[in-house]
Amino acid sequence: MKCTNPVFCVVSLCMGSCIHLYPGEGCWLNFHAAAAVGFYIVFKKMKPTAYITSDRAIQVLRICIALFMMAHGITRLSINGPVDFGTFLSSKGFPLGVPLAWGITILEIVCGLLLVAGKWQRLAALFFMLELLMGIILVHFKNGWFVVGLTEGGIEYSVLLIICFLLVFFTAAQQRES
């Protein structure tokens, strides 16, 4: 996919790793374009200035990480539904793995939409932090720290996202008051 629009190019670079289903297959529902439109709307509301406010920075962060997490649920639905994920959960001892996987998948999408809309931010952030923590425990911890490099599939990306969700969680009340 050749990128011709500068806004789409920047967003594609930022989001490319979590949007592509498989290398060389392109994007599902052109998430790059959807994300670029979202960023355009956020930044269009900004007054011309040489800096970005901390509230606006948190808003952009909140929207980005929401789209990252929504991509997981949407991709899972588009491939095989949550059946494979449910089978994995059952193999780890969770009862009703497939229904649980459906619930997690739906919550990834719903909580992502809530974060994008700026509604129930603390609850949505809490769900994502719990999901990422479980991912660390069930999958990533045994692989060490690094996602790529010295080791592969480690916890660093999940830890970074948890920190981002903590920022959203603790600033949600402040944003609501202002």
N, C-alpha and C. Protein backbone atom coordinates (compact mmCIF):
# COMPACT_ATOMS: atom_id res chain seq x y z
N MET A 1 0.84 -1.17 0.00
CA MET A 1 0.00 0.00 0.00
C MET A 1 0.89 1.23 0.00
N LYS A 2 0.81 2.02 -1.05
CA LYS A 2 1.62 3.22 -1.14
C LYS A 2 0.91 4.36 -0.44
N CYS A 3 1.63 5.07 0.38
CA CYS A 3 1.05 6.15 1.15
C CYS A 3 1.27 7.46 0.41
N THR A 4 0.18 8.15 0.05
CA THR A 4 0.30 9.40 -0.68
C THR A 4 -0.13 10.60 0.15
N ASN A 5 -0.94 10.41 1.16
CA ASN A 5 -1.40 11.51 2.01
C ASN A 5 -0.48 11.61 3.22
N PRO A 6 0.13 12.78 3.46
CA PRO A 6 1.09 12.90 4.57
C PRO A 6 0.50 12.55 5.93
N VAL A 7 -0.76 12.93 6.18
CA VAL A 7 -1.37 12.61 7.47
C VAL A 7 -1.51 11.10 7.62
N PHE A 8 -1.96 10.43 6.56
CA PHE A 8 -2.11 8.98 6.60
C PHE A 8 -0.74 8.31 6.78
N CYS A 9 0.30 8.88 6.17
CA CYS A 9 1.63 8.30 6.29
C CYS A 9 2.11 8.30 7.74
N VAL A 10 1.94 9.44 8.42
CA VAL A 10 2.37 9.53 9.82
C VAL A 10 1.60 8.54 10.68
N VAL A 11 0.29 8.50 10.50
CA VAL A 11 -0.53 7.59 11.29
C VAL A 11 -0.17 6.15 10.95
N SER A 12 0.08 5.87 9.68
CA SER A 12 0.46 4.51 9.28
C SER A 12 1.75 4.08 9.95
N LEU A 13 2.70 4.99 10.03
CA LEU A 13 3.95 4.67 10.70
C LEU A 13 3.71 4.39 12.18
N CYS A 14 2.84 5.18 12.81
CA CYS A 14 2.58 5.02 14.25
C CYS A 14 1.81 3.75 14.53
N MET A 15 0.88 3.40 13.66
CA MET A 15 -0.05 2.31 13.97
C MET A 15 0.21 1.04 13.17
N GLY A 16 1.12 1.07 12.24
CA GLY A 16 1.29 -0.04 11.32
C GLY A 16 1.50 -1.39 11.98
N SER A 17 2.26 -1.43 13.07
CA SER A 17 2.60 -2.73 13.66
C SER A 17 1.40 -3.43 14.27
N CYS A 18 0.37 -2.70 14.67
CA CYS A 18 -0.74 -3.40 15.30
C CYS A 18 -1.98 -3.44 14.42
N ILE A 19 -1.92 -2.90 13.22
CA ILE A 19 -3.08 -2.91 12.35
C ILE A 19 -2.99 -4.03 11.31
N HIS A 20 -1.80 -4.28 10.79
CA HIS A 20 -1.67 -5.29 9.75
C HIS A 20 -1.93 -6.69 10.31
N LEU A 21 -2.77 -7.42 9.62
CA LEU A 21 -3.07 -8.78 10.07
C LEU A 21 -1.86 -9.68 9.90
N TYR A 22 -1.32 -9.70 8.71
CA TYR A 22 -0.13 -10.46 8.38
C TYR A 22 0.71 -9.61 7.46
N PRO A 23 2.03 -9.77 7.45
CA PRO A 23 2.86 -8.96 6.56
C PRO A 23 2.39 -9.09 5.11
N GLY A 24 2.25 -7.96 4.45
CA GLY A 24 1.89 -7.95 3.04
C GLY A 24 0.41 -8.00 2.75
N GLU A 25 -0.45 -8.08 3.77
CA GLU A 25 -1.88 -8.20 3.50
C GLU A 25 -2.62 -6.87 3.53
N GLY A 26 -1.98 -5.79 3.88
CA GLY A 26 -2.68 -4.51 3.93
C GLY A 26 -3.47 -4.35 5.21
N CYS A 27 -4.40 -3.42 5.21
CA CYS A 27 -5.12 -3.07 6.42
C CYS A 27 -6.54 -3.60 6.39
N TRP A 28 -7.04 -3.89 7.58
CA TRP A 28 -8.43 -4.30 7.72
C TRP A 28 -9.26 -3.04 7.86
N LEU A 29 -10.22 -2.84 6.99
CA LEU A 29 -11.11 -1.67 7.00
C LEU A 29 -10.36 -0.35 7.00
N ASN A 30 -9.20 -0.34 6.41
CA ASN A 30 -8.39 0.87 6.30
C ASN A 30 -8.32 1.65 7.61
N PHE A 31 -7.84 0.97 8.65
CA PHE A 31 -7.71 1.59 9.96
C PHE A 31 -6.80 2.81 9.91
N HIS A 32 -5.84 2.80 8.99
CA HIS A 32 -4.95 3.94 8.87
C HIS A 32 -5.75 5.21 8.57
N ALA A 33 -6.63 5.12 7.61
CA ALA A 33 -7.44 6.28 7.24
C ALA A 33 -8.36 6.69 8.38
N ALA A 34 -8.97 5.72 9.05
CA ALA A 34 -9.86 6.03 10.16
C ALA A 34 -9.11 6.73 11.28
N ALA A 35 -7.91 6.25 11.58
CA ALA A 35 -7.12 6.88 12.63
C ALA A 35 -6.70 8.28 12.22
N ALA A 36 -6.33 8.46 10.98
CA ALA A 36 -5.93 9.79 10.50
C ALA A 36 -7.08 10.77 10.62
N VAL A 37 -8.29 10.33 10.29
CA VAL A 37 -9.46 11.20 10.43
C VAL A 37 -9.66 11.57 11.89
N GLY A 38 -9.50 10.59 12.79
CA GLY A 38 -9.62 10.87 14.22
C GLY A 38 -8.60 11.90 14.70
N PHE A 39 -7.35 11.76 14.27
CA PHE A 39 -6.33 12.72 14.64
C PHE A 39 -6.63 14.10 14.05
N TYR A 40 -7.10 14.12 12.83
CA TYR A 40 -7.45 15.39 12.19
C TYR A 40 -8.52 16.12 12.99
N ILE A 41 -9.53 15.39 13.44
CA ILE A 41 -10.61 15.99 14.22
C ILE A 41 -10.06 16.55 15.54
N VAL A 42 -9.21 15.77 16.23
CA VAL A 42 -8.65 16.23 17.50
C VAL A 42 -7.80 17.48 17.29
N PHE A 43 -6.91 17.44 16.30
CA PHE A 43 -5.99 18.55 16.11
C PHE A 43 -6.66 19.76 15.47
N LYS A 44 -7.73 19.57 14.72
CA LYS A 44 -8.45 20.68 14.11
C LYS A 44 -9.06 21.58 15.18
N LYS A 45 -9.47 21.00 16.31
CA LYS A 45 -10.07 21.76 17.39
C LYS A 45 -9.03 22.59 18.15
N MET A 46 -7.75 22.30 17.93
CA MET A 46 -6.69 23.03 18.63
C MET A 46 -6.53 24.42 18.05
N LYS A 47 -6.28 25.37 18.92
CA LYS A 47 -5.96 26.72 18.46
C LYS A 47 -4.53 26.71 17.95
N PRO A 48 -4.23 27.52 16.94
CA PRO A 48 -2.84 27.57 16.46
C PRO A 48 -1.91 28.02 17.59
N THR A 49 -0.93 27.23 17.85
CA THR A 49 0.00 27.54 18.94
C THR A 49 1.30 26.76 18.70
N ALA A 50 2.32 27.17 19.39
CA ALA A 50 3.62 26.51 19.22
C ALA A 50 3.76 25.30 20.13
N TYR A 51 2.77 25.03 20.97
CA TYR A 51 2.88 23.91 21.88
C TYR A 51 1.53 23.21 22.00
N ILE A 52 1.56 22.05 22.60
CA ILE A 52 0.33 21.28 22.84
C ILE A 52 0.12 21.22 24.35
N THR A 53 -1.10 21.41 24.79
CA THR A 53 -1.38 21.37 26.22
C THR A 53 -1.29 19.94 26.73
N SER A 54 -1.09 19.79 28.02
CA SER A 54 -1.01 18.44 28.59
C SER A 54 -2.35 17.73 28.45
N ASP A 55 -3.46 18.46 28.58
CA ASP A 55 -4.78 17.84 28.40
C ASP A 55 -4.94 17.30 26.99
N ARG A 56 -4.49 18.07 26.00
CA ARG A 56 -4.60 17.63 24.60
C ARG A 56 -3.67 16.44 24.36
N ALA A 57 -2.50 16.44 24.95
CA ALA A 57 -1.57 15.32 24.80
C ALA A 57 -2.16 14.04 25.37
N ILE A 58 -2.79 14.13 26.53
CA ILE A 58 -3.43 12.95 27.13
C ILE A 58 -4.59 12.49 26.25
N GLN A 59 -5.31 13.44 25.68
CA GLN A 59 -6.42 13.09 24.79
C GLN A 59 -5.92 12.31 23.57
N VAL A 60 -4.84 12.79 22.97
CA VAL A 60 -4.26 12.09 21.82
C VAL A 60 -3.77 10.71 22.23
N LEU A 61 -3.10 10.62 23.38
CA LEU A 61 -2.63 9.33 23.89
C LEU A 61 -3.81 8.39 24.10
N ARG A 62 -4.87 8.89 24.73
CA ARG A 62 -6.06 8.07 25.01
C ARG A 62 -6.65 7.51 23.72
N ILE A 63 -6.75 8.33 22.70
CA ILE A 63 -7.32 7.88 21.42
C ILE A 63 -6.40 6.87 20.75
N CYS A 64 -5.10 7.12 20.77
CA CYS A 64 -4.14 6.18 20.14
C CYS A 64 -4.19 4.80 20.79
N ILE A 65 -4.10 4.76 22.12
CA ILE A 65 -4.07 3.45 22.77
C ILE A 65 -5.42 2.75 22.67
N ALA A 66 -6.50 3.52 22.60
CA ALA A 66 -7.82 2.92 22.39
C ALA A 66 -7.86 2.24 21.03
N LEU A 67 -7.35 2.91 20.00
CA LEU A 67 -7.32 2.31 18.65
C LEU A 67 -6.42 1.08 18.61
N PHE A 68 -5.30 1.14 19.32
CA PHE A 68 -4.41 -0.03 19.37
C PHE A 68 -5.14 -1.24 19.94
N MET A 69 -5.86 -1.04 21.04
CA MET A 69 -6.54 -2.16 21.68
C MET A 69 -7.76 -2.62 20.88
N MET A 70 -8.47 -1.67 20.26
CA MET A 70 -9.61 -2.05 19.42
C MET A 70 -9.15 -2.90 18.25
N ALA A 71 -7.97 -2.63 17.74
CA ALA A 71 -7.45 -3.40 16.61
C ALA A 71 -7.37 -4.89 16.95
N HIS A 72 -7.06 -5.22 18.21
CA HIS A 72 -6.99 -6.62 18.61
C HIS A 72 -8.36 -7.29 18.48
N GLY A 73 -9.38 -6.64 19.03
CA GLY A 73 -10.73 -7.23 18.98
C GLY A 73 -11.26 -7.31 17.56
N ILE A 74 -11.08 -6.26 16.78
CA ILE A 74 -11.58 -6.25 15.40
C ILE A 74 -10.86 -7.28 14.55
N THR A 75 -9.56 -7.38 14.73
CA THR A 75 -8.79 -8.38 13.98
C THR A 75 -9.22 -9.79 14.35
N ARG A 76 -9.41 -10.02 15.65
CA ARG A 76 -9.84 -11.35 16.11
C ARG A 76 -11.18 -11.71 15.49
N LEU A 77 -12.10 -10.76 15.44
CA LEU A 77 -13.41 -11.01 14.83
C LEU A 77 -13.30 -11.30 13.34
N SER A 78 -12.37 -10.64 12.68
CA SER A 78 -12.26 -10.78 11.22
C SER A 78 -11.56 -12.06 10.79
N ILE A 79 -10.80 -12.68 11.68
CA ILE A 79 -10.04 -13.87 11.28
C ILE A 79 -10.85 -15.14 11.54
N ASN A 80 -11.04 -15.52 12.78
CA ASN A 80 -11.71 -16.78 13.10
C ASN A 80 -12.66 -16.59 14.26
N GLY A 81 -13.08 -15.35 14.46
CA GLY A 81 -13.82 -15.09 15.68
C GLY A 81 -12.90 -15.39 16.85
N PRO A 82 -13.39 -15.32 18.03
CA PRO A 82 -12.55 -15.57 19.20
C PRO A 82 -12.35 -17.05 19.53
N VAL A 83 -12.63 -17.95 18.59
CA VAL A 83 -12.54 -19.38 18.88
C VAL A 83 -11.11 -19.80 19.24
N ASP A 84 -10.13 -19.38 18.45
CA ASP A 84 -8.74 -19.75 18.75
C ASP A 84 -8.30 -19.17 20.09
N PHE A 85 -8.68 -17.93 20.35
CA PHE A 85 -8.36 -17.29 21.63
C PHE A 85 -9.03 -18.04 22.77
N GLY A 86 -10.28 -18.44 22.57
CA GLY A 86 -11.01 -19.20 23.58
C GLY A 86 -10.37 -20.55 23.86
N THR A 87 -9.90 -21.21 22.82
CA THR A 87 -9.20 -22.49 22.98
C THR A 87 -7.93 -22.30 23.80
N PHE A 88 -7.21 -21.21 23.51
CA PHE A 88 -6.01 -20.89 24.28
C PHE A 88 -6.37 -20.68 25.76
N LEU A 89 -7.42 -19.91 26.02
CA LEU A 89 -7.83 -19.65 27.41
C LEU A 89 -8.21 -20.95 28.12
N SER A 90 -8.92 -21.83 27.42
CA SER A 90 -9.29 -23.13 28.00
C SER A 90 -8.05 -23.95 28.34
N SER A 91 -7.04 -23.89 27.44
CA SER A 91 -5.80 -24.65 27.68
C SER A 91 -5.04 -24.13 28.89
N LYS A 92 -5.30 -22.89 29.28
CA LYS A 92 -4.66 -22.30 30.45
C LYS A 92 -5.49 -22.49 31.72
N GLY A 93 -6.61 -23.23 31.60
CA GLY A 93 -7.41 -23.56 32.77
C GLY A 93 -8.61 -22.67 33.01
N PHE A 94 -8.89 -21.75 32.11
CA PHE A 94 -10.06 -20.90 32.29
C PHE A 94 -11.31 -21.66 31.88
N PRO A 95 -12.34 -21.66 32.72
CA PRO A 95 -13.59 -22.32 32.32
C PRO A 95 -14.30 -21.49 31.25
N LEU A 96 -15.02 -22.16 30.38
CA LEU A 96 -15.78 -21.49 29.33
C LEU A 96 -14.89 -20.56 28.51
N GLY A 97 -13.81 -21.10 27.99
CA GLY A 97 -12.82 -20.30 27.27
C GLY A 97 -13.38 -19.53 26.09
N VAL A 98 -14.20 -20.17 25.26
CA VAL A 98 -14.72 -19.49 24.07
C VAL A 98 -15.69 -18.37 24.45
N PRO A 99 -16.66 -18.61 25.34
CA PRO A 99 -17.51 -17.48 25.75
C PRO A 99 -16.72 -16.34 26.41
N LEU A 100 -15.72 -16.70 27.21
CA LEU A 100 -14.87 -15.69 27.83
C LEU A 100 -14.13 -14.88 26.76
N ALA A 101 -13.64 -15.57 25.73
CA ALA A 101 -12.94 -14.89 24.64
C ALA A 101 -13.88 -13.94 23.89
N TRP A 102 -15.12 -14.36 23.68
CA TRP A 102 -16.10 -13.48 23.06
C TRP A 102 -16.32 -12.23 23.91
N GLY A 103 -16.45 -12.41 25.21
CA GLY A 103 -16.64 -11.28 26.11
C GLY A 103 -15.47 -10.31 26.08
N ILE A 104 -14.25 -10.85 26.11
CA ILE A 104 -13.05 -10.02 26.07
C ILE A 104 -12.99 -9.27 24.74
N THR A 105 -13.29 -9.96 23.65
CA THR A 105 -13.24 -9.34 22.33
C THR A 105 -14.23 -8.19 22.22
N ILE A 106 -15.44 -8.42 22.67
CA ILE A 106 -16.47 -7.37 22.63
C ILE A 106 -16.06 -6.19 23.52
N LEU A 107 -15.52 -6.50 24.71
CA LEU A 107 -15.09 -5.43 25.61
C LEU A 107 -13.92 -4.64 25.04
N GLU A 108 -13.03 -5.29 24.29
CA GLU A 108 -11.93 -4.55 23.65
C GLU A 108 -12.48 -3.48 22.72
N ILE A 109 -13.50 -3.84 21.97
CA ILE A 109 -14.09 -2.90 21.02
C ILE A 109 -14.90 -1.83 21.75
N VAL A 110 -15.76 -2.25 22.67
CA VAL A 110 -16.63 -1.30 23.39
C VAL A 110 -15.79 -0.35 24.25
N CYS A 111 -14.84 -0.89 25.01
CA CYS A 111 -14.01 -0.03 25.85
C CYS A 111 -13.14 0.91 25.01
N GLY A 112 -12.68 0.43 23.86
CA GLY A 112 -11.94 1.29 22.96
C GLY A 112 -12.79 2.45 22.46
N LEU A 113 -14.03 2.14 22.09
CA LEU A 113 -14.96 3.20 21.64
C LEU A 113 -15.25 4.18 22.77
N LEU A 114 -15.41 3.67 23.98
CA LEU A 114 -15.64 4.56 25.13
C LEU A 114 -14.46 5.51 25.35
N LEU A 115 -13.25 4.97 25.23
CA LEU A 115 -12.07 5.83 25.40
C LEU A 115 -11.98 6.88 24.30
N VAL A 116 -12.25 6.48 23.07
CA VAL A 116 -12.22 7.44 21.96
C VAL A 116 -13.24 8.55 22.21
N ALA A 117 -14.41 8.17 22.71
CA ALA A 117 -15.47 9.15 22.98
C ALA A 117 -15.23 9.94 24.27
N GLY A 118 -14.28 9.50 25.09
CA GLY A 118 -14.00 10.19 26.35
C GLY A 118 -15.01 9.88 27.44
N LYS A 119 -15.70 8.76 27.32
CA LYS A 119 -16.71 8.35 28.30
C LYS A 119 -16.18 7.18 29.13
N TRP A 120 -16.54 7.14 30.38
CA TRP A 120 -16.18 6.04 31.29
C TRP A 120 -14.71 5.64 31.13
N GLN A 121 -13.87 6.63 31.08
CA GLN A 121 -12.45 6.42 30.82
C GLN A 121 -11.77 5.55 31.87
N ARG A 122 -12.09 5.78 33.12
CA ARG A 122 -11.42 5.03 34.18
C ARG A 122 -11.79 3.55 34.12
N LEU A 123 -13.04 3.25 33.89
CA LEU A 123 -13.48 1.86 33.80
C LEU A 123 -12.85 1.17 32.59
N ALA A 124 -12.84 1.86 31.45
CA ALA A 124 -12.24 1.28 30.24
C ALA A 124 -10.74 1.07 30.42
N ALA A 125 -10.06 2.06 31.00
CA ALA A 125 -8.61 1.93 31.24
C ALA A 125 -8.33 0.79 32.20
N LEU A 126 -9.16 0.64 33.22
CA LEU A 126 -8.99 -0.45 34.18
C LEU A 126 -9.13 -1.81 33.50
N PHE A 127 -10.14 -1.95 32.62
CA PHE A 127 -10.30 -3.20 31.88
C PHE A 127 -9.04 -3.51 31.07
N PHE A 128 -8.53 -2.51 30.33
CA PHE A 128 -7.37 -2.75 29.49
C PHE A 128 -6.12 -3.07 30.31
N MET A 129 -5.95 -2.41 31.46
CA MET A 129 -4.79 -2.72 32.31
C MET A 129 -4.87 -4.16 32.81
N LEU A 130 -6.06 -4.60 33.21
CA LEU A 130 -6.24 -5.98 33.66
C LEU A 130 -5.96 -6.96 32.52
N GLU A 131 -6.47 -6.64 31.34
CA GLU A 131 -6.24 -7.51 30.18
C GLU A 131 -4.74 -7.61 29.86
N LEU A 132 -4.04 -6.49 29.88
CA LEU A 132 -2.61 -6.50 29.60
C LEU A 132 -1.83 -7.24 30.68
N LEU A 133 -2.22 -7.07 31.93
CA LEU A 133 -1.56 -7.79 33.02
C LEU A 133 -1.74 -9.30 32.85
N MET A 134 -2.94 -9.72 32.49
CA MET A 134 -3.17 -11.15 32.24
C MET A 134 -2.34 -11.64 31.05
N GLY A 135 -2.21 -10.81 30.02
CA GLY A 135 -1.37 -11.17 28.88
C GLY A 135 0.08 -11.35 29.29
N ILE A 136 0.55 -10.49 30.20
CA ILE A 136 1.92 -10.64 30.71
C ILE A 136 2.05 -11.96 31.45
N ILE A 137 1.11 -12.25 32.32
CA ILE A 137 1.17 -13.47 33.13
C ILE A 137 1.08 -14.73 32.26
N LEU A 138 0.13 -14.75 31.33
CA LEU A 138 -0.14 -15.96 30.55
C LEU A 138 0.82 -16.18 29.37
N VAL A 139 1.33 -15.09 28.80
CA VAL A 139 2.08 -15.23 27.54
C VAL A 139 3.48 -14.63 27.61
N HIS A 140 3.59 -13.38 27.99
CA HIS A 140 4.81 -12.62 27.73
C HIS A 140 5.90 -12.76 28.79
N PHE A 141 5.56 -13.00 30.04
CA PHE A 141 6.57 -13.00 31.11
C PHE A 141 7.67 -14.02 30.86
N LYS A 142 7.28 -15.18 30.38
CA LYS A 142 8.28 -16.24 30.15
C LYS A 142 9.28 -15.88 29.04
N ASN A 143 8.92 -14.86 28.22
CA ASN A 143 9.78 -14.45 27.12
C ASN A 143 10.74 -13.33 27.48
N GLY A 144 10.71 -12.88 28.74
CA GLY A 144 11.63 -11.83 29.17
C GLY A 144 11.07 -10.43 28.93
N TRP A 145 11.97 -9.46 28.86
CA TRP A 145 11.57 -8.06 28.75
C TRP A 145 11.30 -7.62 27.32
N PHE A 146 12.20 -7.90 26.41
CA PHE A 146 12.16 -7.31 25.07
C PHE A 146 11.10 -7.94 24.18
N VAL A 147 10.44 -7.07 23.39
CA VAL A 147 9.48 -7.56 22.40
C VAL A 147 10.25 -8.12 21.21
N VAL A 148 11.29 -7.42 20.79
CA VAL A 148 12.20 -7.90 19.74
C VAL A 148 13.62 -7.58 20.17
N GLY A 149 14.56 -8.26 19.59
CA GLY A 149 15.97 -8.01 19.92
C GLY A 149 16.56 -9.20 20.64
N LEU A 150 17.03 -8.96 21.85
CA LEU A 150 17.68 -10.01 22.63
C LEU A 150 16.75 -11.20 22.84
N THR A 151 15.49 -10.90 23.17
CA THR A 151 14.46 -11.93 23.24
C THR A 151 13.28 -11.45 22.40
N GLU A 152 12.29 -12.30 22.20
CA GLU A 152 11.11 -11.91 21.41
C GLU A 152 9.85 -12.23 22.20
N GLY A 153 8.84 -11.36 22.04
CA GLY A 153 7.56 -11.60 22.68
C GLY A 153 7.52 -11.29 24.16
N GLY A 154 8.45 -10.41 24.62
CA GLY A 154 8.53 -10.08 26.03
C GLY A 154 7.47 -9.09 26.48
N ILE A 155 7.68 -8.54 27.67
CA ILE A 155 6.64 -7.75 28.33
C ILE A 155 6.74 -6.25 28.08
N GLU A 156 7.77 -5.75 27.42
CA GLU A 156 7.99 -4.30 27.38
C GLU A 156 6.83 -3.53 26.76
N TYR A 157 6.25 -4.00 25.69
CA TYR A 157 5.13 -3.31 25.04
C TYR A 157 3.91 -3.28 25.95
N SER A 158 3.63 -4.39 26.61
CA SER A 158 2.50 -4.44 27.53
C SER A 158 2.70 -3.50 28.71
N VAL A 159 3.92 -3.45 29.24
CA VAL A 159 4.22 -2.54 30.35
C VAL A 159 4.05 -1.09 29.90
N LEU A 160 4.52 -0.76 28.71
CA LEU A 160 4.36 0.60 28.19
C LEU A 160 2.88 0.96 28.07
N LEU A 161 2.07 0.05 27.54
CA LEU A 161 0.64 0.32 27.43
C LEU A 161 -0.02 0.46 28.80
N ILE A 162 0.39 -0.35 29.77
CA ILE A 162 -0.16 -0.22 31.13
C ILE A 162 0.16 1.16 31.69
N ILE A 163 1.38 1.64 31.48
CA ILE A 163 1.75 2.98 31.95
C ILE A 163 0.87 4.04 31.26
N CYS A 164 0.64 3.88 29.97
CA CYS A 164 -0.23 4.81 29.24
C CYS A 164 -1.65 4.79 29.79
N PHE A 165 -2.17 3.60 30.06
CA PHE A 165 -3.52 3.50 30.62
C PHE A 165 -3.57 4.06 32.05
N LEU A 166 -2.49 3.92 32.80
CA LEU A 166 -2.44 4.55 34.14
C LEU A 166 -2.55 6.07 34.02
N LEU A 167 -1.85 6.65 33.04
CA LEU A 167 -1.96 8.10 32.81
C LEU A 167 -3.40 8.50 32.50
N VAL A 168 -4.04 7.74 31.63
CA VAL A 168 -5.44 8.02 31.29
C VAL A 168 -6.31 7.87 32.53
N PHE A 169 -6.10 6.80 33.29
CA PHE A 169 -6.90 6.54 34.48
C PHE A 169 -6.80 7.70 35.48
N PHE A 170 -5.58 8.16 35.76
CA PHE A 170 -5.41 9.18 36.79
C PHE A 170 -5.73 10.59 36.32
N THR A 171 -5.78 10.81 35.03
CA THR A 171 -6.11 12.15 34.53
C THR A 171 -7.57 12.26 34.09
N ALA A 172 -8.31 11.16 34.07
CA ALA A 172 -9.70 11.19 33.60
C ALA A 172 -10.55 12.12 34.46
N ALA A 173 -10.40 12.08 35.76
CA ALA A 173 -11.19 12.93 36.65
C ALA A 173 -10.84 14.40 36.43
N GLN A 174 -9.56 14.72 36.24
CA GLN A 174 -9.15 16.09 36.00
C GLN A 174 -9.74 16.64 34.72
N GLN A 175 -9.75 15.83 33.67
CA GLN A 175 -10.28 16.27 32.39
C GLN A 175 -11.79 16.50 32.49
N ARG A 176 -12.46 15.69 33.29
CA ARG A 176 -13.90 15.82 33.44
C ARG A 176 -14.25 17.12 34.16
N GLU A 177 -13.41 17.52 35.12
CA GLU A 177 -13.67 18.73 35.89
C GLU A 177 -13.40 20.00 35.09
N SER A 178 -12.45 19.96 34.16
CA SER A 178 -12.08 21.18 33.43
C SER A 178 -12.94 21.40 32.20
